[in-house]
Amino acid sequence: MAQIRSAIGVTLALLVVTLAACSASDAGGDSKKEGRKSPTSPEVSVTDTEPPIIVHSLSVLPGMTIGGTLVSSDDGKCLTVRGVRAEEDFVATPIWPKGTKVVRSDAAIGVSVPGYGRLAVGDRFKAAGSYWESSDERARGIEISSDCLAEDGFIVINPDSIERG
């Protein structure tokens, strides 16, 4: 009986170690896709894609109506959103929901947003979210080319809120 308990104990210990190893490798597996995390806001990271995009996994999000048109830089290395806010034109760097991916087809570029689908350069959209000034503490430390940081800060897009606009 003691030998059976000992064998069960060893089996359970091996199972715990195996599960812990699998969990650690799964957590690290997304880091390549997720990219570099902001040191001041770990819920925000930059993807290792061309062009790079900023994604978030924020759990508390304001629900103001935001939106604009997805635009690309002339060289295709940056995506921004152009729109009107408080009756003034703006250009902002989008912060997409986690899981958003860059998509390309022929010469077109855009993003695929979970719960919505494809949003291509030139598409207008509305969503729930918020605007962050470029000096916002939550945006400090985002490592993206300064060419891709829009003059009017960031537009943060809530998950499952995008619609054609």
Foldseek 3Di string as FASTA:
>chain_A
DVVVVVVVVVVVVVVVVVVVVVVVVVVVVCCQQQDAAFPLARQWAWGPDQQIAIEGADDDFAFDKDWAFWAADPVSNAIWGWDADPNHTFIAGEHAYPPKDWDDDDHWIFIQHPLPGTHTGGFIKMFTGDFDAQPRSNNPRHDHPPVHGTNRYYTYGDHNTIDGD
